[in-house]
Amino acid sequence: PLITKEYKFCAAHQYWNDDWTEEKNLSVFGDDVKNHGHNYILRITIKGKTNSDSGFLIDLQGLNKLVNEKL
Protein backbone atom coordinates (compact mmCIF):
# COMPACT_ATOMS: atom_id res chain seq x y z
CA PRO A 1 0.00 0.00 0.00
CA LEU A 2 0.85 3.69 -0.40
CA ILE A 3 0.05 6.69 1.74
CA THR A 4 0.64 10.32 0.81
CA LYS A 5 0.85 13.02 3.46
CA GLU A 6 0.53 16.65 2.36
CA TYR A 7 2.13 19.62 4.13
CA LYS A 8 1.39 23.23 3.21
CA PHE A 9 3.67 26.11 4.17
CA CYS A 10 4.66 29.64 3.23
CA ALA A 11 8.12 31.16 2.95
CA ALA A 12 9.28 34.72 2.33
CA HIS A 13 12.50 36.15 0.94
CA GLN A 14 13.93 39.06 -0.95
CA TYR A 15 16.68 39.44 -3.51
CA TRP A 16 19.55 41.73 -2.59
CA ASN A 17 23.30 41.76 -3.08
CA ASP A 18 25.10 43.70 -0.34
CA ASP A 19 28.08 44.22 -2.63
CA TRP A 20 25.95 46.24 -5.08
CA THR A 21 24.50 49.71 -4.86
CA GLU A 22 20.79 50.18 -4.29
CA GLU A 23 20.49 51.34 -7.90
CA LYS A 24 22.10 48.15 -9.26
CA ASN A 25 19.97 45.92 -6.99
CA LEU A 26 16.83 47.64 -8.25
CA SER A 27 18.02 47.38 -11.84
CA VAL A 28 18.76 43.66 -11.62
CA PHE A 29 16.03 42.45 -9.25
CA GLY A 30 13.26 45.01 -9.74
CA ASP A 31 10.37 44.70 -7.28
CA ASP A 32 11.81 41.43 -5.92
CA VAL A 33 14.10 43.48 -3.65
CA LYS A 34 11.01 43.80 -1.44
CA ASN A 35 10.07 40.96 0.89
CA HIS A 36 7.66 38.67 -0.88
CA GLY A 37 6.34 35.21 -0.18
CA HIS A 38 5.45 31.99 -1.89
CA ASN A 39 3.12 29.15 -0.95
CA TYR A 40 4.39 25.60 -1.16
CA ILE A 41 2.95 22.11 -0.95
CA LEU A 42 5.18 19.21 0.07
CA ARG A 43 3.79 15.75 -0.64
CA ILE A 44 5.52 12.73 0.84
CA THR A 45 4.49 9.29 -0.40
CA ILE A 46 5.41 6.23 1.64
CA LYS A 47 5.25 2.66 0.32
CA GLY A 48 5.59 -0.37 2.52
CA LYS A 49 3.90 -3.03 4.55
CA THR A 50 1.13 -2.24 7.00
CA ASN A 51 2.14 -2.72 10.64
CA SER A 52 -0.01 -5.58 11.91
CA ASP A 53 -0.10 -4.15 15.46
CA SER A 54 -1.10 -0.56 14.67
CA GLY A 55 -2.75 -1.03 11.28
CA PHE A 56 -0.72 1.90 9.95
CA LEU A 57 1.86 2.05 7.20
CA ILE A 58 3.93 4.64 9.11
CA ASP A 59 3.82 6.47 12.42
CA LEU A 60 2.32 9.78 11.23
CA GLN A 61 3.30 11.62 14.41
CA GLY A 62 6.91 10.58 13.79
CA LEU A 63 6.67 11.71 10.18
CA ASN A 64 5.21 15.06 11.25
CA LYS A 65 8.04 15.52 13.75
CA LEU A 66 10.68 14.70 11.11
CA VAL A 67 9.15 17.10 8.56
CA ASN A 68 8.91 19.90 11.14
CA GLU A 69 12.56 19.39 12.15
CA LYS A 70 13.83 19.40 8.56
CA LEU A 71 11.51 22.05 7.18
PDB file of N, CA and C in Angstrom:
ATOM      1  N   PRO A   1       0.813  -1.203   0.000  1.00  0.00           N
ATOM      2  CA  PRO A   1       0.000   0.000   0.000  1.00  0.00           C
ATOM      3  C   PRO A   1       0.858   1.270   0.000  1.00  0.00           C
ATOM      4  N   LEU A   2       0.224   2.359  -0.376  1.00  0.00           N
ATOM      5  CA  LEU A   2       0.849   3.685  -0.395  1.00  0.00           C
ATOM      6  C   LEU A   2       0.038   4.633   0.472  1.00  0.00           C
ATOM      7  N   ILE A   3       0.725   5.589   1.058  1.00  0.00           N
ATOM      8  CA  ILE A   3       0.054   6.693   1.742  1.00  0.00           C
ATOM      9  C   ILE A   3       0.800   7.971   1.383  1.00  0.00           C
ATOM     10  N   THR A   4       0.042   9.015   1.104  1.00  0.00           N
ATOM     11  CA  THR A   4       0.642  10.319   0.806  1.00  0.00           C
ATOM     12  C   THR A   4       0.177  11.315   1.843  1.00  0.00           C
ATOM     13  N   LYS A   5       1.123  11.989   2.456  1.00  0.00           N
ATOM     14  CA  LYS A   5       0.851  13.024   3.456  1.00  0.00           C
ATOM     15  C   LYS A   5       1.218  14.358   2.827  1.00  0.00           C
ATOM     16  N   GLU A   6       0.332  15.342   2.977  1.00  0.00           N
ATOM     17  CA  GLU A   6       0.534  16.652   2.365  1.00  0.00           C
ATOM     18  C   GLU A   6       0.772  17.697   3.442  1.00  0.00           C
ATOM     19  N   TYR A   7       1.792  18.520   3.228  1.00  0.00           N
ATOM     20  CA  TYR A   7       2.132  19.624   4.127  1.00  0.00           C
ATOM     21  C   TYR A   7       2.095  20.921   3.322  1.00  0.00           C
ATOM     22  N   LYS A   8       1.454  21.923   3.855  1.00  0.00           N
ATOM     23  CA  LYS A   8       1.391  23.234   3.207  1.00  0.00           C
ATOM     24  C   LYS A   8       2.139  24.242   4.069  1.00  0.00           C
ATOM     25  N   PHE A   9       2.936  25.094   3.426  1.00  0.00           N
ATOM     26  CA  PHE A   9       3.671  26.106   4.168  1.00  0.00           C
ATOM     27  C   PHE A   9       3.972  27.302   3.281  1.00  0.00           C
ATOM     28  N   CYS A  10       4.305  28.395   3.911  1.00  0.00           N
ATOM     29  CA  CYS A  10       4.662  29.636   3.226  1.00  0.00           C
ATOM     30  C   CYS A  10       6.090  30.014   3.597  1.00  0.00           C
ATOM     31  N   ALA A  11       6.770  30.670   2.691  1.00  0.00           N
ATOM     32  CA  ALA A  11       8.119  31.162   2.955  1.00  0.00           C
ATOM     33  C   ALA A  11       8.284  32.509   2.262  1.00  0.00           C
ATOM     34  N   ALA A  12       9.054  33.386   2.892  1.00  0.00           N
ATOM     35  CA  ALA A  12       9.280  34.716   2.330  1.00  0.00           C
ATOM     36  C   ALA A  12      10.779  34.953   2.153  1.00  0.00           C
ATOM     37  N   HIS A  13      11.104  35.782   1.178  1.00  0.00           N
ATOM     38  CA  HIS A  13      12.496  36.148   0.937  1.00  0.00           C
ATOM     39  C   HIS A  13      12.535  37.431   0.121  1.00  0.00           C
ATOM     40  N   GLN A  14      13.719  37.917  -0.067  1.00  0.00           N
ATOM     41  CA  GLN A  14      13.927  39.059  -0.954  1.00  0.00           C
ATOM     42  C   GLN A  14      15.266  38.862  -1.645  1.00  0.00           C
ATOM     43  N   TYR A  15      15.407  39.482  -2.793  1.00  0.00           N
ATOM     44  CA  TYR A  15      16.680  39.441  -3.509  1.00  0.00           C
ATOM     45  C   TYR A  15      17.440  40.723  -3.213  1.00  0.00           C
ATOM     46  N   TRP A  16      18.710  40.577  -2.883  1.00  0.00           N
ATOM     47  CA  TRP A  16      19.551  41.729  -2.592  1.00  0.00           C
ATOM     48  C   TRP A  16      20.993  41.270  -2.534  1.00  0.00           C
ATOM     49  N   ASN A  17      21.872  42.028  -3.129  1.00  0.00           N
ATOM     50  CA  ASN A  17      23.301  41.758  -3.077  1.00  0.00           C
ATOM     51  C   ASN A  17      23.953  42.923  -2.349  1.00  0.00           C
ATOM     52  N   ASP A  18      24.486  42.649  -1.160  1.00  0.00           N
ATOM     53  CA  ASP A  18      25.099  43.704  -0.341  1.00  0.00           C
ATOM     54  C   ASP A  18      26.313  44.354  -1.001  1.00  0.00           C
ATOM     55  N   ASP A  19      26.911  43.673  -1.946  1.00  0.00           N
ATOM     56  CA  ASP A  19      28.083  44.223  -2.630  1.00  0.00           C
ATOM     57  C   ASP A  19      27.712  45.223  -3.725  1.00  0.00           C
ATOM     58  N   TRP A  20      26.417  45.343  -4.043  1.00  0.00           N
ATOM     59  CA  TRP A  20      25.947  46.241  -5.082  1.00  0.00           C
ATOM     60  C   TRP A  20      25.308  47.480  -4.481  1.00  0.00           C
ATOM     61  N   THR A  21      25.211  48.506  -5.284  1.00  0.00           N
ATOM     62  CA  THR A  21      24.496  49.709  -4.864  1.00  0.00           C
ATOM     63  C   THR A  21      22.998  49.435  -4.903  1.00  0.00           C
ATOM     64  N   GLU A  22      22.246  50.306  -4.255  1.00  0.00           N
ATOM     65  CA  GLU A  22      20.793  50.180  -4.290  1.00  0.00           C
ATOM     66  C   GLU A  22      20.287  50.268  -5.735  1.00  0.00           C
ATOM     67  N   GLU A  23      20.900  51.169  -6.503  1.00  0.00           N
ATOM     68  CA  GLU A  23      20.493  51.340  -7.896  1.00  0.00           C
ATOM     69  C   GLU A  23      20.689  50.055  -8.706  1.00  0.00           C
ATOM     70  N   LYS A  24      21.848  49.389  -8.518  1.00  0.00           N
ATOM     71  CA  LYS A  24      22.098  48.149  -9.260  1.00  0.00           C
ATOM     72  C   LYS A  24      21.155  47.039  -8.803  1.00  0.00           C
ATOM     73  N   ASN A  25      20.919  46.929  -7.489  1.00  0.00           N
ATOM     74  CA  ASN A  25      19.973  45.921  -6.987  1.00  0.00           C
ATOM     75  C   ASN A  25      18.598  46.116  -7.614  1.00  0.00           C
ATOM     76  N   LEU A  26      18.134  47.362  -7.651  1.00  0.00           N
ATOM     77  CA  LEU A  26      16.828  47.643  -8.249  1.00  0.00           C
ATOM     78  C   LEU A  26      16.819  47.344  -9.740  1.00  0.00           C
ATOM     79  N   SER A  27      17.920  47.632 -10.405  1.00  0.00           N
ATOM     80  CA  SER A  27      18.023  47.385 -11.836  1.00  0.00           C
ATOM     81  C   SER A  27      17.980  45.888 -12.152  1.00  0.00           C
ATOM     82  N   VAL A  28      18.674  45.098 -11.360  1.00  0.00           N
ATOM     83  CA  VAL A  28      18.764  43.660 -11.623  1.00  0.00           C
ATOM     84  C   VAL A  28      17.531  42.903 -11.113  1.00  0.00           C
ATOM     85  N   PHE A  29      17.086  43.233  -9.893  1.00  0.00           N
ATOM     86  CA  PHE A  29      16.026  42.450  -9.248  1.00  0.00           C
ATOM     87  C   PHE A  29      14.639  43.074  -9.325  1.00  0.00           C
ATOM     88  N   GLY A  30      14.563  44.355  -9.655  1.00  0.00           N
ATOM     89  CA  GLY A  30      13.258  45.013  -9.742  1.00  0.00           C
ATOM     90  C   GLY A  30      12.507  44.965  -8.418  1.00  0.00           C
ATOM     91  N   ASP A  31      11.196  44.714  -8.479  1.00  0.00           N
ATOM     92  CA  ASP A  31      10.365  44.697  -7.276  1.00  0.00           C
ATOM     93  C   ASP A  31      10.696  43.549  -6.328  1.00  0.00           C
ATOM     94  N   ASP A  32      11.466  42.560  -6.778  1.00  0.00           N
ATOM     95  CA  ASP A  32      11.810  41.429  -5.916  1.00  0.00           C
ATOM     96  C   ASP A  32      12.806  41.799  -4.815  1.00  0.00           C
ATOM     97  N   VAL A  33      13.267  43.053  -4.776  1.00  0.00           N
ATOM     98  CA  VAL A  33      14.098  43.483  -3.645  1.00  0.00           C
ATOM     99  C   VAL A  33      13.240  43.637  -2.388  1.00  0.00           C
ATOM    100  N   LYS A  34      11.937  43.731  -2.580  1.00  0.00           N
ATOM    101  CA  LYS A  34      11.013  43.803  -1.439  1.00  0.00           C
ATOM    102  C   LYS A  34      10.730  42.386  -0.955  1.00  0.00           C
ATOM    103  N   ASN A  35      10.468  42.261   0.370  1.00  0.00           N
ATOM    104  CA  ASN A  35      10.069  40.959   0.891  1.00  0.00           C
ATOM    105  C   ASN A  35       8.816  40.496   0.176  1.00  0.00           C
ATOM    106  N   HIS A  36       8.846  39.261  -0.253  1.00  0.00           N
ATOM    107  CA  HIS A  36       7.665  38.673  -0.878  1.00  0.00           C
ATOM    108  C   HIS A  36       7.652  37.183  -0.566  1.00  0.00           C
ATOM    109  N   GLY A  37       6.472  36.597  -0.598  1.00  0.00           N
ATOM    110  CA  GLY A  37       6.343  35.209  -0.182  1.00  0.00           C
ATOM    111  C   GLY A  37       5.803  34.304  -1.264  1.00  0.00           C
ATOM    112  N   HIS A  38       5.943  33.034  -1.000  1.00  0.00           N
ATOM    113  CA  HIS A  38       5.447  31.993  -1.887  1.00  0.00           C
ATOM    114  C   HIS A  38       4.767  30.920  -1.037  1.00  0.00           C
ATOM    115  N   ASN A  39       3.790  30.264  -1.613  1.00  0.00           N
ATOM    116  CA  ASN A  39       3.116  29.155  -0.949  1.00  0.00           C
ATOM    117  C   ASN A  39       3.631  27.855  -1.564  1.00  0.00           C
ATOM    118  N   TYR A  40       3.858  26.872  -0.704  1.00  0.00           N
ATOM    119  CA  TYR A  40       4.392  25.600  -1.155  1.00  0.00           C
ATOM    120  C   TYR A  40       3.537  24.457  -0.643  1.00  0.00           C
ATOM    121  N   ILE A  41       3.562  23.358  -1.382  1.00  0.00           N
ATOM    122  CA  ILE A  41       2.945  22.112  -0.954  1.00  0.00           C
ATOM    123  C   ILE A  41       4.010  21.024  -1.065  1.00  0.00           C
ATOM    124  N   LEU A  42       4.254  20.343   0.032  1.00  0.00           N
ATOM    125  CA  LEU A  42       5.177  19.214   0.069  1.00  0.00           C
ATOM    126  C   LEU A  42       4.347  17.948   0.216  1.00  0.00           C
ATOM    127  N   ARG A  43       4.493  17.029  -0.721  1.00  0.00           N
ATOM    128  CA  ARG A  43       3.790  15.747  -0.641  1.00  0.00           C
ATOM    129  C   ARG A  43       4.826  14.647  -0.467  1.00  0.00           C
ATOM    130  N   ILE A  44       4.631  13.845   0.561  1.00  0.00           N
ATOM    131  CA  ILE A  44       5.522  12.726   0.840  1.00  0.00           C
ATOM    132  C   ILE A  44       4.709  11.445   0.685  1.00  0.00           C
ATOM    133  N   THR A  45       5.171  10.567  -0.183  1.00  0.00           N
ATOM    134  CA  THR A  45       4.492   9.287  -0.398  1.00  0.00           C
ATOM    135  C   THR A  45       5.359   8.174   0.170  1.00  0.00           C
ATOM    136  N   ILE A  46       4.739   7.345   0.982  1.00  0.00           N
ATOM    137  CA  ILE A  46       5.408   6.225   1.636  1.00  0.00           C
ATOM    138  C   ILE A  46       4.813   4.929   1.087  1.00  0.00           C
ATOM    139  N   LYS A  47       5.681   3.980   0.776  1.00  0.00           N
ATOM    140  CA  LYS A  47       5.247   2.661   0.320  1.00  0.00           C
ATOM    141  C   LYS A  47       5.851   1.622   1.258  1.00  0.00           C
ATOM    142  N   GLY A  48       5.060   0.672   1.657  1.00  0.00           N
ATOM    143  CA  GLY A  48       5.593  -0.370   2.523  1.00  0.00           C
ATOM    144  C   GLY A  48       4.509  -1.315   2.986  1.00  0.00           C
ATOM    145  N   LYS A  49       4.841  -2.084   3.985  1.00  0.00           N
ATOM    146  CA  LYS A  49       3.903  -3.032   4.553  1.00  0.00           C
ATOM    147  C   LYS A  49       3.182  -2.407   5.737  1.00  0.00           C
ATOM    148  N   THR A  50       1.921  -2.730   5.873  1.00  0.00           N
ATOM    149  CA  THR A  50       1.132  -2.241   7.004  1.00  0.00           C
ATOM    150  C   THR A  50       1.586  -2.948   8.278  1.00  0.00           C
ATOM    151  N   ASN A  51       1.785  -2.165   9.341  1.00  0.00           N
ATOM    152  CA  ASN A  51       2.140  -2.722  10.636  1.00  0.00           C
ATOM    153  C   ASN A  51       0.939  -3.483  11.190  1.00  0.00           C
ATOM    154  N   SER A  52       1.115  -4.755  11.468  1.00  0.00           N
ATOM    155  CA  SER A  52      -0.012  -5.580  11.914  1.00  0.00           C
ATOM    156  C   SER A  52      -0.523  -5.175  13.292  1.00  0.00           C
ATOM    157  N   ASP A  53       0.333  -4.580  14.122  1.00  0.00           N
ATOM    158  CA  ASP A  53      -0.102  -4.152  15.460  1.00  0.00           C
ATOM    159  C   ASP A  53      -0.929  -2.873  15.407  1.00  0.00           C
ATOM    160  N   SER A  54      -0.431  -1.867  14.677  1.00  0.00           N
ATOM    161  CA  SER A  54      -1.098  -0.557  14.666  1.00  0.00           C
ATOM    162  C   SER A  54      -2.105  -0.419  13.523  1.00  0.00           C
ATOM    163  N   GLY A  55      -1.906  -1.184  12.458  1.00  0.00           N
ATOM    164  CA  GLY A  55      -2.751  -1.028  11.278  1.00  0.00           C
ATOM    165  C   GLY A  55      -2.322   0.125  10.383  1.00  0.00           C
ATOM    166  N   PHE A  56      -1.220   0.761  10.719  1.00  0.00           N
ATOM    167  CA  PHE A  56      -0.725   1.903   9.949  1.00  0.00           C
ATOM    168  C   PHE A  56       0.490   1.519   9.121  1.00  0.00           C
ATOM    169  N   LEU A  57       0.691   2.244   8.055  1.00  0.00           N
ATOM    170  CA  LEU A  57       1.856   2.054   7.204  1.00  0.00           C
ATOM    171  C   LEU A  57       3.086   2.731   7.813  1.00  0.00           C
ATOM    172  N   ILE A  58       2.844   3.861   8.490  1.00  0.00           N
ATOM    173  CA  ILE A  58       3.928   4.637   9.113  1.00  0.00           C
ATOM    174  C   ILE A  58       3.360   5.379  10.318  1.00  0.00           C
ATOM    175  N   ASP A  59       4.214   5.659  11.269  1.00  0.00           N
ATOM    176  CA  ASP A  59       3.823   6.470  12.422  1.00  0.00           C
ATOM    177  C   ASP A  59       3.727   7.923  11.951  1.00  0.00           C
ATOM    178  N   LEU A  60       2.507   8.424  11.772  1.00  0.00           N
ATOM    179  CA  LEU A  60       2.316   9.776  11.232  1.00  0.00           C
ATOM    180  C   LEU A  60       2.828  10.852  12.174  1.00  0.00           C
ATOM    181  N   GLN A  61       2.745  10.626  13.480  1.00  0.00           N
ATOM    182  CA  GLN A  61       3.298  11.617  14.415  1.00  0.00           C
ATOM    183  C   GLN A  61       4.812  11.709  14.254  1.00  0.00           C
ATOM    184  N   GLY A  62       5.465  10.581  14.028  1.00  0.00           N
ATOM    185  CA  GLY A  62       6.907  10.576  13.790  1.00  0.00           C
ATOM    186  C   GLY A  62       7.258  11.271  12.483  1.00  0.00           C
ATOM    187  N   LEU A  63       6.455  11.033  11.453  1.00  0.00           N
ATOM    188  CA  LEU A  63       6.672  11.708  10.178  1.00  0.00           C
ATOM    189  C   LEU A  63       6.488  13.208  10.320  1.00  0.00           C
ATOM    190  N   ASN A  64       5.432  13.621  11.024  1.00  0.00           N
ATOM    191  CA  ASN A  64       5.211  15.063  11.250  1.00  0.00           C
ATOM    192  C   ASN A  64       6.387  15.689  11.983  1.00  0.00           C
ATOM    193  N   LYS A  65       6.900  15.004  12.983  1.00  0.00           N
ATOM    194  CA  LYS A  65       8.039  15.524  13.747  1.00  0.00           C
ATOM    195  C   LYS A  65       9.264  15.664  12.845  1.00  0.00           C
ATOM    196  N   LEU A  66       9.527  14.662  12.018  1.00  0.00           N
ATOM    197  CA  LEU A  66      10.678  14.699  11.110  1.00  0.00           C
ATOM    198  C   LEU A  66      10.540  15.854  10.117  1.00  0.00           C
ATOM    199  N   VAL A  67       9.366  16.019   9.529  1.00  0.00           N
ATOM    200  CA  VAL A  67       9.148  17.100   8.557  1.00  0.00           C
ATOM    201  C   VAL A  67       9.330  18.454   9.237  1.00  0.00           C
ATOM    202  N   ASN A  68       8.779  18.613  10.437  1.00  0.00           N
ATOM    203  CA  ASN A  68       8.912  19.901  11.140  1.00  0.00           C
ATOM    204  C   ASN A  68      10.353  20.195  11.510  1.00  0.00           C
ATOM    205  N   GLU A  69      11.140  19.169  11.832  1.00  0.00           N
ATOM    206  CA  GLU A  69      12.557  19.386  12.147  1.00  0.00           C
ATOM    207  C   GLU A  69      13.351  19.786  10.904  1.00  0.00           C
ATOM    208  N   LYS A  70      13.044  19.169   9.776  1.00  0.00           N
ATOM    209  CA  LYS A  70      13.826  19.403   8.561  1.00  0.00           C
ATOM    210  C   LYS A  70      13.354  20.610   7.766  1.00  0.00           C
ATOM    211  N   LEU A  71      12.085  20.941   7.934  1.00  0.00           N
ATOM    212  CA  LEU A  71      11.510  22.049   7.181  1.00  0.00           C
ATOM    213  C   LEU A  71      11.653  23.293   7.986  1.00  0.00           C
TER     214      LEU A  71
END
